[in-house]
Amino acid sequence: MVKYPKSTLANIPTRNIVRTIVYDPDLQEPLYLILEAKKGYWQNPQGGIDNGESPLEAAIRELKEETGIESTLDDIHEDTEHHIEYITESKGNCEKRILKSYAIKADSSKPVTLCPQEEHTSYMWATKEQVYSMLTRYKEQLEVFEQVVRKLRIKQ
């Protein structure tokens, strides 16, 4: 991880992002949707929050754009929200990211349609253990997945 002086961090651009932990609870063991990025690593559906858009609206839009899965506010478990902030590099520049994540219920028997313009090549409905072994690219991926699923488990 690159360390930056505090004076630099105060002036860096901020990007608001939403991540969806998509799950199908209607099976003997819940399954979670993960996507394989063109760069060869696995991740949950996610994307930027547009100006004037709420994080929940962005979650619904990003899920539809990246997977073709249609969802509504009723499918989102707002009480599973997990919020983190971190500094990363994007295209050679330092960027602060504010990430909100939510669990979204979906039906794994319905088709997933990856958008060719998006950055994913394949998908998988995976068990929790499989997800843990596949979300290995970025440290925050596992933390977010674990925290959202933990909050979800309390409800089930």
Foldseek 3Di string as FASTA:
>chain_A
DDDDDPVVVVPAAEFEKEFEFEWAPPDPAIWTKWFAFLVGAIATQMDTADPPGDSLRRHQVSQCQAWVFHDDPVQWDVQLWDWDWDWDDDPNGIYIYIYIYIYGYDDPVDHTDGDPVDGTDDMDTHGPVVVVVRRDPDPVRVVSNVSSVVSVVVVD
